[in-house]
């Protein structure tokens, strides 16, 4: 199969990849993924899958969107990530379905962890952030009220190094697409 056939066969994956690259660039510069990227991405994915698959296609896209939301929503709910990152993952799900989204999330989580460790190490703040990580884990295990966890995270946020998570989502997702033969 030549390159043009592969592109035409997998153009939704290529489109999602381009959107992820734009979102990662903006997140790297502004520490946010704007709604003008995420909402159209989600809505277009739902519309496209409805158009090509009817109501079953819409159902498939909705399940993918929900998986994308659920992968990052727990971290968002306690202040560990921005809403734009969550909506970005939902957009991947709306376009590409639950299974691709779940695998892309898994690779993104590994990329995010590596990036966080490298950022902390380069800043020379390993002990500080290790202590913060232990405090966060202790809070998650002992505090049962998500609102209290969120308030504590908001209070701690100015003292923490922020990772623009759109970058790991982009790198991890595209790496998975490549590994799965979706963009090669």
C-alpha atoms as a PDB file:
ATOM      1  CA  UNK A   1       0.000   0.000   0.000  1.00  0.00           C
ATOM      2  CA  UNK A   2       1.424   3.361  -0.928  1.00  0.00           C
ATOM      3  CA  UNK A   3       1.523   6.466   1.255  1.00  0.00           C
ATOM      4  CA  UNK A   4      -1.495   8.160  -0.395  1.00  0.00           C
ATOM      5  CA  UNK A   5      -3.699   5.115   0.119  1.00  0.00           C
ATOM      6  CA  UNK A   6      -2.658   4.878   3.759  1.00  0.00           C
ATOM      7  CA  UNK A   7      -3.409   8.558   4.282  1.00  0.00           C
ATOM      8  CA  UNK A   8      -6.835   8.313   2.655  1.00  0.00           C
ATOM      9  CA  UNK A   9      -7.668   5.151   4.559  1.00  0.00           C
ATOM     10  CA  UNK A  10      -6.616   6.652   7.918  1.00  0.00           C
ATOM     11  CA  UNK A  11      -7.307  10.360   7.415  1.00  0.00           C
ATOM     12  CA  UNK A  12      -9.208  10.646  10.746  1.00  0.00           C
ATOM     13  CA  UNK A  13      -6.061   9.500  12.568  1.00  0.00           C
ATOM     14  CA  UNK A  14      -3.989  12.047  10.660  1.00  0.00           C
ATOM     15  CA  UNK A  15      -6.525  14.786  11.461  1.00  0.00           C
ATOM     16  CA  UNK A  16      -6.495  13.888  15.158  1.00  0.00           C
ATOM     17  CA  UNK A  17      -2.682  13.888  15.059  1.00  0.00           C
ATOM     18  CA  UNK A  18      -2.590  17.412  13.602  1.00  0.00           C
ATOM     19  CA  UNK A  19      -5.066  18.656  16.227  1.00  0.00           C
ATOM     20  CA  UNK A  20      -2.960  17.063  18.968  1.00  0.00           C
ATOM     21  CA  UNK A  21       0.177  18.768  17.663  1.00  0.00           C
ATOM     22  CA  UNK A  22      -1.544  22.178  17.625  1.00  0.00           C
ATOM     23  CA  UNK A  23      -2.960  21.597  21.124  1.00  0.00           C
ATOM     24  CA  UNK A  24       0.448  20.505  22.449  1.00  0.00           C
ATOM     25  CA  UNK A  25       2.110  23.599  20.983  1.00  0.00           C
ATOM     26  CA  UNK A  26      -0.443  25.922  22.599  1.00  0.00           C
ATOM     27  CA  UNK A  27      -0.319  24.036  25.906  1.00  0.00           C
ATOM     28  CA  UNK A  28       3.465  24.301  25.924  1.00  0.00           C
ATOM     29  CA  UNK A  29       3.290  28.069  25.438  1.00  0.00           C
ATOM     30  CA  UNK A  30       0.198  28.960  27.499  1.00  0.00           C
ATOM     31  CA  UNK A  31      -0.277  26.015  29.928  1.00  0.00           C
ATOM     32  CA  UNK A  32      -3.810  25.468  28.641  1.00  0.00           C
ATOM     33  CA  UNK A  33      -5.647  23.684  25.841  1.00  0.00           C
ATOM     34  CA  UNK A  34      -8.304  26.112  24.607  1.00  0.00           C
ATOM     35  CA  UNK A  35     -11.953  25.265  24.067  1.00  0.00           C
ATOM     36  CA  UNK A  36     -11.777  26.417  20.448  1.00  0.00           C
ATOM     37  CA  UNK A  37      -9.719  23.268  19.818  1.00  0.00           C
ATOM     38  CA  UNK A  38     -11.391  20.752  22.110  1.00  0.00           C
ATOM     39  CA  UNK A  39     -15.106  21.409  21.581  1.00  0.00           C
ATOM     40  CA  UNK A  40     -14.970  21.325  17.765  1.00  0.00           C
ATOM     41  CA  UNK A  41     -12.769  18.218  17.955  1.00  0.00           C
ATOM     42  CA  UNK A  42     -15.314  16.373  20.102  1.00  0.00           C
ATOM     43  CA  UNK A  43     -18.351  17.556  18.143  1.00  0.00           C
ATOM     44  CA  UNK A  44     -16.762  16.839  14.759  1.00  0.00           C
ATOM     45  CA  UNK A  45     -15.787  13.331  15.908  1.00  0.00           C
ATOM     46  CA  UNK A  46     -19.338  12.631  17.035  1.00  0.00           C
ATOM     47  CA  UNK A  47     -20.773  14.058  13.800  1.00  0.00           C
ATOM     48  CA  UNK A  48     -18.338  12.202  11.545  1.00  0.00           C
ATOM     49  CA  UNK A  49     -18.932   8.834  13.202  1.00  0.00           C
ATOM     50  CA  UNK A  50     -22.696   9.398  13.053  1.00  0.00           C
ATOM     51  CA  UNK A  51     -22.434  10.254   9.355  1.00  0.00           C
ATOM     52  CA  UNK A  52     -20.393   7.147   8.470  1.00  0.00           C
ATOM     53  CA  UNK A  53     -22.004   4.739  10.939  1.00  0.00           C
ATOM     54  CA  UNK A  54     -25.481   6.056  11.727  1.00  0.00           C
ATOM     55  CA  UNK A  55     -26.720   5.594  15.283  1.00  0.00           C
ATOM     56  CA  UNK A  56     -24.293   2.716  15.939  1.00  0.00           C
ATOM     57  CA  UNK A  57     -21.469   5.046  14.844  1.00  0.00           C
ATOM     58  CA  UNK A  58     -22.727   7.718  17.215  1.00  0.00           C
ATOM     59  CA  UNK A  59     -22.831   5.158  20.026  1.00  0.00           C
ATOM     60  CA  UNK A  60     -19.286   4.049  19.204  1.00  0.00           C
ATOM     61  CA  UNK A  61     -18.109   7.681  19.270  1.00  0.00           C
ATOM     62  CA  UNK A  62     -19.936   8.419  22.526  1.00  0.00           C
ATOM     63  CA  UNK A  63     -18.340   5.411  24.225  1.00  0.00           C
ATOM     64  CA  UNK A  64     -14.934   6.555  22.952  1.00  0.00           C
ATOM     65  CA  UNK A  65     -15.585  10.084  24.195  1.00  0.00           C
ATOM     66  CA  UNK A  66     -16.609   8.773  27.627  1.00  0.00           C
ATOM     67  CA  UNK A  67     -13.482   6.610  27.873  1.00  0.00           C
ATOM     68  CA  UNK A  68     -11.387   9.657  26.961  1.00  0.00           C
ATOM     69  CA  UNK A  69     -13.115  11.678  29.671  1.00  0.00           C
ATOM     70  CA  UNK A  70     -12.850   8.955  32.286  1.00  0.00           C
ATOM     71  CA  UNK A  71      -9.120   8.428  31.764  1.00  0.00           C
ATOM     72  CA  UNK A  72      -8.258  11.926  32.993  1.00  0.00           C
ATOM     73  CA  UNK A  73     -11.356  13.073  34.884  1.00  0.00           C
ATOM     74  CA  UNK A  74     -10.200  11.664  38.239  1.00  0.00           C
ATOM     75  CA  UNK A  75      -7.007  13.726  38.103  1.00  0.00           C
ATOM     76  CA  UNK A  76      -8.929  16.793  36.982  1.00  0.00           C
ATOM     77  CA  UNK A  77     -11.463  16.410  39.785  1.00  0.00           C
ATOM     78  CA  UNK A  78      -8.744  16.729  42.413  1.00  0.00           C
ATOM     79  CA  UNK A  79      -6.942  19.586  40.676  1.00  0.00           C
ATOM     80  CA  UNK A  80      -4.146  17.538  39.124  1.00  0.00           C
ATOM     81  CA  UNK A  81      -4.811  18.553  35.543  1.00  0.00           C
ATOM     82  CA  UNK A  82      -6.664  21.096  33.445  1.00  0.00           C
ATOM     83  CA  UNK A  83     -10.058  20.628  31.845  1.00  0.00           C
ATOM     84  CA  UNK A  84      -8.595  21.188  28.383  1.00  0.00           C
ATOM     85  CA  UNK A  85      -6.450  18.064  28.708  1.00  0.00           C
ATOM     86  CA  UNK A  86      -9.519  16.035  29.671  1.00  0.00           C
ATOM     87  CA  UNK A  87     -11.520  17.393  26.723  1.00  0.00           C
ATOM     88  CA  UNK A  88      -8.591  16.732  24.385  1.00  0.00           C
ATOM     89  CA  UNK A  89      -8.604  13.044  25.371  1.00  0.00           C
ATOM     90  CA  UNK A  90     -12.395  13.013  24.912  1.00  0.00           C
ATOM     91  CA  UNK A  91     -11.853  14.325  21.382  1.00  0.00           C
ATOM     92  CA  UNK A  92      -9.479  11.463  20.621  1.00  0.00           C
ATOM     93  CA  UNK A  93     -12.181   9.087  21.826  1.00  0.00           C
ATOM     94  CA  UNK A  94     -14.947  10.734  19.808  1.00  0.00           C
ATOM     95  CA  UNK A  95     -12.920  10.318  16.628  1.00  0.00           C
ATOM     96  CA  UNK A  96     -11.106   7.018  17.153  1.00  0.00           C
ATOM     97  CA  UNK A  97     -13.144   4.981  19.635  1.00  0.00           C
ATOM     98  CA  UNK A  98     -12.625   3.596  23.089  1.00  0.00           C
ATOM     99  CA  UNK A  99      -9.916   1.025  22.425  1.00  0.00           C
ATOM    100  CA  UNK A 100      -7.547   3.328  20.555  1.00  0.00           C
ATOM    101  CA  UNK A 101      -8.181   6.000  23.181  1.00  0.00           C
ATOM    102  CA  UNK A 102      -7.403   3.652  26.041  1.00  0.00           C
ATOM    103  CA  UNK A 103      -4.117   2.550  24.469  1.00  0.00           C
ATOM    104  CA  UNK A 104      -3.191   6.137  23.542  1.00  0.00           C
ATOM    105  CA  UNK A 105      -3.899   7.178  27.135  1.00  0.00           C
ATOM    106  CA  UNK A 106      -1.667   4.391  28.473  1.00  0.00           C
ATOM    107  CA  UNK A 107       1.271   5.488  26.353  1.00  0.00           C
ATOM    108  CA  UNK A 108       0.545   9.152  27.182  1.00  0.00           C
ATOM    109  CA  UNK A 109       0.625   8.372  30.901  1.00  0.00           C
ATOM    110  CA  UNK A 110       4.072   6.807  30.545  1.00  0.00           C
ATOM    111  CA  UNK A 111       5.311   9.767  28.484  1.00  0.00           C
ATOM    112  CA  UNK A 112       3.845  12.183  31.063  1.00  0.00           C
ATOM    113  CA  UNK A 113       5.536  10.361  33.937  1.00  0.00           C
ATOM    114  CA  UNK A 114       8.899  10.407  32.185  1.00  0.00           C
ATOM    115  CA  UNK A 115       8.512  14.094  31.319  1.00  0.00           C
ATOM    116  CA  UNK A 116       7.597  14.935  34.916  1.00  0.00           C
ATOM    117  CA  UNK A 117      10.617  13.080  36.300  1.00  0.00           C
ATOM    118  CA  UNK A 118      12.951  14.765  33.798  1.00  0.00           C
ATOM    119  CA  UNK A 119      11.482  18.220  34.553  1.00  0.00           C
ATOM    120  CA  UNK A 120      11.910  17.743  38.302  1.00  0.00           C
ATOM    121  CA  UNK A 121      15.413  16.302  37.927  1.00  0.00           C
ATOM    122  CA  UNK A 122      16.576  19.132  35.633  1.00  0.00           C
ATOM    123  CA  UNK A 123      15.204  21.704  38.077  1.00  0.00           C
ATOM    124  CA  UNK A 124      17.112  20.047  40.914  1.00  0.00           C
ATOM    125  CA  UNK A 125      13.952  19.695  42.968  1.00  0.00           C
ATOM    126  CA  UNK A 126      13.705  15.927  43.329  1.00  0.00           C
ATOM    127  CA  UNK A 127      13.410  15.913  47.145  1.00  0.00           C
ATOM    128  CA  UNK A 128      10.808  18.696  47.176  1.00  0.00           C
ATOM    129  CA  UNK A 129       8.597  17.038  44.553  1.00  0.00           C
ATOM    130  CA  UNK A 130       9.083  13.571  45.992  1.00  0.00           C
ATOM    131  CA  UNK A 131       7.761  14.922  49.290  1.00  0.00           C
ATOM    132  CA  UNK A 132       4.838  16.571  47.508  1.00  0.00           C
ATOM    133  CA  UNK A 133       4.079  13.306  45.702  1.00  0.00           C
ATOM    134  CA  UNK A 134       4.009  11.409  49.005  1.00  0.00           C
ATOM    135  CA  UNK A 135       1.733  14.067  50.531  1.00  0.00           C
ATOM    136  CA  UNK A 136      -0.640  13.841  47.537  1.00  0.00           C
ATOM    137  CA  UNK A 137      -0.742  10.044  47.696  1.00  0.00           C
ATOM    138  CA  UNK A 138      -1.454  10.226  51.438  1.00  0.00           C
ATOM    139  CA  UNK A 139      -4.274  12.707  50.811  1.00  0.00           C
ATOM    140  CA  UNK A 140      -5.797  10.440  48.137  1.00  0.00           C
ATOM    141  CA  UNK A 141      -5.722   7.518  50.550  1.00  0.00           C
ATOM    142  CA  UNK A 142      -7.056   9.351  53.601  1.00  0.00           C
ATOM    143  CA  UNK A 143      -9.276  12.220  52.407  1.00  0.00           C
ATOM    144  CA  UNK A 144     -12.571  10.884  51.068  1.00  0.00           C
ATOM    145  CA  UNK A 145     -14.145  14.184  49.998  1.00  0.00           C
ATOM    146  CA  UNK A 146     -13.175  15.119  46.397  1.00  0.00           C
ATOM    147  CA  UNK A 147     -14.018  18.771  47.091  1.00  0.00           C
ATOM    148  CA  UNK A 148     -11.475  18.863  49.914  1.00  0.00           C
ATOM    149  CA  UNK A 149      -8.868  17.171  47.687  1.00  0.00           C
ATOM    150  CA  UNK A 150      -9.551  19.743  44.981  1.00  0.00           C
ATOM    151  CA  UNK A 151      -9.257  22.657  47.432  1.00  0.00           C
ATOM    152  CA  UNK A 152      -5.971  21.274  48.770  1.00  0.00           C
ATOM    153  CA  UNK A 153      -4.658  20.872  45.216  1.00  0.00           C
ATOM    154  CA  UNK A 154      -5.630  24.468  44.343  1.00  0.00           C
ATOM    155  CA  UNK A 155      -3.801  25.686  47.425  1.00  0.00           C
ATOM    156  CA  UNK A 156      -0.676  23.682  46.538  1.00  0.00           C
ATOM    157  CA  UNK A 157      -0.678  24.508  42.797  1.00  0.00           C
ATOM    158  CA  UNK A 158       1.332  27.783  42.969  1.00  0.00           C
ATOM    159  CA  UNK A 159       4.206  25.897  44.619  1.00  0.00           C
ATOM    160  CA  UNK A 160       4.290  23.059  42.104  1.00  0.00           C
ATOM    161  CA  UNK A 161       5.974  22.679  38.756  1.00  0.00           C
ATOM    162  CA  UNK A 162       3.240  22.427  36.087  1.00  0.00           C
ATOM    163  CA  UNK A 163       3.414  19.913  33.261  1.00  0.00           C
ATOM    164  CA  UNK A 164       1.542  20.971  30.109  1.00  0.00           C
ATOM    165  CA  UNK A 165      -0.153  17.583  29.734  1.00  0.00           C
ATOM    166  CA  UNK A 166      -1.246  18.276  26.154  1.00  0.00           C
ATOM    167  CA  UNK A 167       2.358  17.488  25.198  1.00  0.00           C
ATOM    168  CA  UNK A 168       2.391  13.945  26.647  1.00  0.00           C
ATOM    169  CA  UNK A 169      -1.092  13.356  25.190  1.00  0.00           C
ATOM    170  CA  UNK A 170       0.235  14.351  21.771  1.00  0.00           C
ATOM    171  CA  UNK A 171       3.477  12.384  21.952  1.00  0.00           C
ATOM    172  CA  UNK A 172       1.901   9.313  23.539  1.00  0.00           C
ATOM    173  CA  UNK A 173      -1.101   9.203  21.220  1.00  0.00           C
ATOM    174  CA  UNK A 174       0.899   9.666  18.036  1.00  0.00           C
ATOM    175  CA  UNK A 175       3.457   7.118  19.254  1.00  0.00           C
ATOM    176  CA  UNK A 176       0.622   4.623  19.751  1.00  0.00           C
ATOM    177  CA  UNK A 177      -0.873   5.463  16.331  1.00  0.00           C
ATOM    178  CA  UNK A 178       2.539   4.829  14.778  1.00  0.00           C
ATOM    179  CA  UNK A 179       3.081   1.599  16.736  1.00  0.00           C
ATOM    180  CA  UNK A 180      -0.377   0.342  15.717  1.00  0.00           C
ATOM    181  CA  UNK A 181       0.350   1.101  12.048  1.00  0.00           C
ATOM    182  CA  UNK A 182      -2.296   3.798  11.853  1.00  0.00           C
ATOM    183  CA  UNK A 183      -0.024   6.599  10.577  1.00  0.00           C
ATOM    184  CA  UNK A 184       2.916   4.782   9.025  1.00  0.00           C
END
